[in-house]
Amino acid sequence: MSAQTDPADLPLIKVVGISAGGKSTLVRALRQRGYQARPVSQEHSNVPTLWEQFDRPRLLLYLDIDLETQRARRPDVTWNKEWLVEERERLAHARDHADLIIDARHQSPEAVLQIALTFLQNKQIRHAPEPLPPIAPTGSALPPKAATNTSVPAPEATTDDPKRRSNRTQRRRQKRAEKRKDKT
C-alpha cells in the first residue's frame, strides 16, 4: 500500500445478491484493482438493512441470477424455487436501494467485472493504485468441503438473530476483559 492510499479513506462499495451470484468473485476482482469492496451476505439474513450496518456504503451493487444459473454454479447445493423466493424477499430492501443491478445470468465473471468497472469509472469512484488485501470468502463462495451441510436449510433455520449475535459479542468482550484482568 502506498503512503498516499489509506483504504479507510476510499469509498466503500458493498456487493449483495443471490447465493452463487458471484459476490465474492466480483469483490476479489475489484479489490485487486484497488477498490474498497466488501460482500454482504444479506440473502442469509432476516435483517433487511444488514447491508447498511457496519459502515454505510458509498455504492451498493446487486448481483441477480436465476435458479438455473444457481444450480449450474453450485451443483453441490440443493437449490430450490422456494429458497430462491425467500432470498429475493430478504434482498428486496437492498435491491430497492442498489446503485447498480447486474443481471449475472449467463455472464462470465469477467463480463460482470467489466459492467461494474464501467459503472465505477463513470461515477468517478476513487481507488488505490495498487491491490487491496483480499478478504475471506463468504456464503456459497466457501469450498464445498468447508460446509458441513450442503443442502440449503429451510428459510426459518437461517435467521440472523441480532440478539444472539449481541450475546456472542458480549461474551467475547467479557473474556477479553477477564484476560486483561488476569494479566494485571
Protein backbone atom coordinates (compact mmCIF):
# COMPACT_ATOMS: atom_id res chain seq x y z
CA MET A 1 0.00 0.00 0.00
CA SER A 2 1.46 3.39 -0.93
CA ALA A 3 1.83 6.10 1.69
CA GLN A 4 -0.87 8.18 -0.02
CA THR A 5 -3.53 5.45 -0.02
CA ASP A 6 -5.35 4.63 3.17
CA PRO A 7 -8.11 2.07 2.46
CA ALA A 8 -10.26 3.71 5.14
CA ASP A 9 -10.29 6.88 3.01
CA LEU A 10 -11.59 5.07 -0.07
CA PRO A 11 -15.32 4.96 -0.84
CA LEU A 12 -16.88 1.73 0.42
CA ILE A 13 -18.58 -0.45 -2.18
CA LYS A 14 -20.79 -3.26 -0.89
CA VAL A 15 -21.89 -6.16 -3.09
CA VAL A 16 -25.10 -8.07 -2.36
CA GLY A 17 -27.11 -10.62 -4.29
CA ILE A 18 -28.49 -14.09 -4.70
CA SER A 19 -26.41 -17.03 -3.40
CA ALA A 20 -23.88 -18.18 -6.02
CA GLY A 21 -24.38 -14.89 -7.87
CA GLY A 22 -20.67 -14.09 -7.90
CA LYS A 23 -20.35 -11.66 -4.98
CA SER A 24 -17.03 -12.99 -3.67
CA THR A 25 -15.62 -13.24 -7.19
CA LEU A 26 -16.56 -9.65 -8.01
CA VAL A 27 -15.30 -8.33 -4.68
CA ARG A 28 -11.97 -10.14 -5.13
CA ALA A 29 -11.54 -8.67 -8.64
CA LEU A 30 -12.47 -5.14 -7.52
CA ARG A 31 -10.05 -5.31 -4.58
CA GLN A 32 -7.30 -6.47 -6.95
CA ARG A 33 -7.93 -3.20 -8.80
CA GLY A 34 -7.74 -1.10 -5.64
CA TYR A 35 -11.44 -0.64 -4.88
CA GLN A 36 -12.64 -0.88 -1.27
CA ALA A 37 -15.26 -3.58 -1.98
CA ARG A 38 -16.90 -5.93 0.51
CA PRO A 39 -19.52 -8.68 0.17
CA VAL A 40 -22.63 -8.70 2.33
CA SER A 41 -24.43 -11.98 2.94
CA GLN A 42 -27.78 -10.20 3.00
CA GLU A 43 -29.51 -13.21 1.42
CA HIS A 44 -28.94 -15.19 4.64
CA SER A 45 -30.32 -12.51 6.95
CA ASN A 46 -33.78 -11.58 8.14
CA VAL A 47 -32.46 -8.07 8.85
CA PRO A 48 -33.47 -6.09 5.73
CA THR A 49 -30.97 -3.31 6.40
CA LEU A 50 -27.96 -5.53 7.08
CA TRP A 51 -26.16 -4.05 4.06
CA GLU A 52 -26.37 -0.59 5.70
CA GLN A 53 -24.91 -1.71 9.01
CA PHE A 54 -21.21 -1.78 9.90
CA ASP A 55 -20.30 1.18 7.64
CA ARG A 56 -22.81 2.56 5.19
CA PRO A 57 -21.54 2.08 1.64
CA ARG A 58 -20.97 4.85 -0.88
CA LEU A 59 -22.31 2.44 -3.52
CA LEU A 60 -24.34 -0.76 -3.40
CA LEU A 61 -24.02 -3.28 -6.24
CA TYR A 62 -26.61 -6.05 -6.61
CA LEU A 63 -25.96 -9.32 -8.49
CA ASP A 64 -29.02 -11.21 -9.69
CA ILE A 65 -29.23 -14.76 -11.08
CA ASP A 66 -31.94 -17.34 -11.63
CA LEU A 67 -32.37 -20.85 -10.26
CA GLU A 68 -30.85 -22.47 -13.37
CA THR A 69 -27.68 -20.39 -13.04
CA GLN A 70 -27.54 -21.01 -9.30
CA ARG A 71 -27.69 -24.77 -9.82
CA ALA A 72 -25.08 -24.67 -12.60
CA ARG A 73 -22.63 -22.68 -10.47
CA ARG A 74 -23.07 -24.77 -7.33
CA PRO A 75 -24.32 -28.26 -8.24
CA ASP A 76 -23.19 -29.49 -4.81
CA VAL A 77 -26.02 -27.49 -3.16
CA THR A 78 -29.67 -28.47 -3.48
CA TRP A 79 -31.16 -25.14 -4.52
CA ASN A 80 -34.93 -24.93 -4.94
CA LYS A 81 -37.50 -22.41 -6.13
CA GLU A 82 -38.87 -21.75 -2.63
CA TRP A 83 -35.42 -20.87 -1.32
CA LEU A 84 -34.79 -18.51 -4.25
CA VAL A 85 -38.10 -16.74 -3.49
CA GLU A 86 -37.04 -16.45 0.17
CA GLU A 87 -33.66 -14.99 -0.81
CA ARG A 88 -35.30 -12.46 -3.13
CA GLU A 89 -37.58 -11.38 -0.28
CA ARG A 90 -34.61 -10.98 2.04
CA LEU A 91 -32.78 -8.98 -0.61
CA ALA A 92 -35.73 -6.75 -1.60
CA HIS A 93 -34.64 -3.77 0.52
CA ALA A 94 -31.07 -3.96 -0.78
CA ARG A 95 -32.25 -4.31 -4.38
CA ASP A 96 -34.52 -1.28 -3.97
CA HIS A 97 -31.53 0.76 -2.77
CA ALA A 98 -28.90 -0.63 -5.16
CA ASP A 99 -26.97 1.85 -7.27
CA LEU A 100 -26.37 -0.83 -9.90
CA ILE A 101 -28.23 -4.09 -10.54
CA ILE A 102 -26.27 -6.56 -12.66
CA ASP A 103 -28.10 -9.43 -14.32
CA ALA A 104 -25.34 -12.01 -13.86
CA ARG A 105 -27.24 -14.85 -15.54
CA HIS A 106 -25.25 -16.29 -18.42
CA GLN A 107 -22.46 -13.75 -17.78
CA SER A 108 -18.85 -14.66 -17.19
CA PRO A 109 -17.11 -13.24 -14.12
CA GLU A 110 -15.06 -11.05 -16.48
CA ALA A 111 -18.22 -9.63 -18.08
CA VAL A 112 -19.74 -8.86 -14.67
CA LEU A 113 -16.47 -7.19 -13.63
CA GLN A 114 -16.45 -5.06 -16.80
CA ILE A 115 -20.02 -3.89 -16.12
CA ALA A 116 -19.05 -2.95 -12.55
CA LEU A 117 -15.79 -1.24 -13.59
CA THR A 118 -17.53 0.81 -16.27
CA PHE A 119 -20.11 1.92 -13.72
CA LEU A 120 -17.45 2.81 -11.12
CA GLN A 121 -15.39 4.71 -13.69
CA ASN A 122 -18.45 6.64 -14.88
CA LYS A 123 -19.20 7.53 -11.24
CA GLN A 124 -15.52 8.53 -10.82
CA ILE A 125 -15.11 6.35 -7.73
CA ARG A 126 -11.63 6.70 -6.27
CA HIS A 127 -9.50 3.60 -5.82
CA ALA A 128 -5.98 2.75 -4.72
CA PRO A 129 -3.33 2.46 -7.43
CA GLU A 130 -2.41 -0.96 -6.04
CA PRO A 131 -4.43 -4.02 -4.97
CA LEU A 132 -6.10 -4.03 -1.58
CA PRO A 133 -5.64 -7.07 0.66
CA PRO A 134 -8.05 -9.93 -0.04
CA ILE A 135 -10.85 -10.70 2.38
CA ALA A 136 -12.23 -14.08 3.40
CA PRO A 137 -14.91 -15.63 1.17
CA THR A 138 -18.45 -15.79 2.45
CA GLY A 139 -21.60 -17.83 1.88
CA SER A 140 -21.64 -20.07 -1.15
CA ALA A 141 -18.10 -19.00 -2.08
CA LEU A 142 -16.76 -21.32 0.59
CA PRO A 143 -15.37 -24.55 -0.82
CA PRO A 144 -17.87 -27.44 -0.71
CA LYS A 145 -15.73 -29.36 1.81
CA ALA A 146 -15.89 -26.40 4.22
CA ALA A 147 -19.63 -26.78 4.51
CA THR A 148 -20.95 -29.43 6.85
CA ASN A 149 -24.38 -29.46 5.23
CA THR A 150 -24.55 -28.77 1.52
CA SER A 151 -28.32 -28.67 1.33
CA VAL A 152 -30.00 -25.31 1.63
CA PRO A 153 -31.61 -25.04 5.05
CA ALA A 154 -35.24 -24.18 5.49
CA PRO A 155 -35.68 -20.39 5.39
CA GLU A 156 -36.67 -20.17 9.04
CA ALA A 157 -33.47 -22.03 10.03
CA THR A 158 -31.15 -19.31 8.74
CA THR A 159 -32.24 -16.41 10.85
CA ASP A 160 -29.66 -13.78 11.66
CA ASP A 161 -30.80 -13.04 15.18
CA PRO A 162 -29.19 -9.75 16.31
CA LYS A 163 -29.85 -10.74 19.93
CA ARG A 164 -27.79 -13.95 19.56
CA ARG A 165 -25.04 -12.04 17.76
CA SER A 166 -25.09 -9.42 20.53
CA ASN A 167 -24.77 -12.14 23.19
CA ARG A 168 -21.76 -13.65 21.38
CA THR A 169 -20.13 -10.23 21.18
CA GLN A 170 -20.81 -9.60 24.84
CA ARG A 171 -19.26 -12.98 25.81
CA ARG A 172 -16.14 -12.23 23.72
CA ARG A 173 -15.74 -8.82 25.34
CA GLN A 174 -16.17 -10.35 28.77
CA LYS A 175 -13.47 -12.97 28.06
CA ARG A 176 -11.07 -10.27 26.83
CA ALA A 177 -11.72 -8.20 29.96
CA GLU A 178 -11.05 -11.25 32.15
CA LYS A 179 -7.76 -11.91 30.33
CA ARG A 180 -6.67 -8.29 30.82
CA LYS A 181 -7.63 -8.50 34.49
CA ASP A 182 -5.59 -11.71 34.91
CA LYS A 183 -2.51 -10.01 33.44
CA THR A 184 -2.62 -7.17 35.99
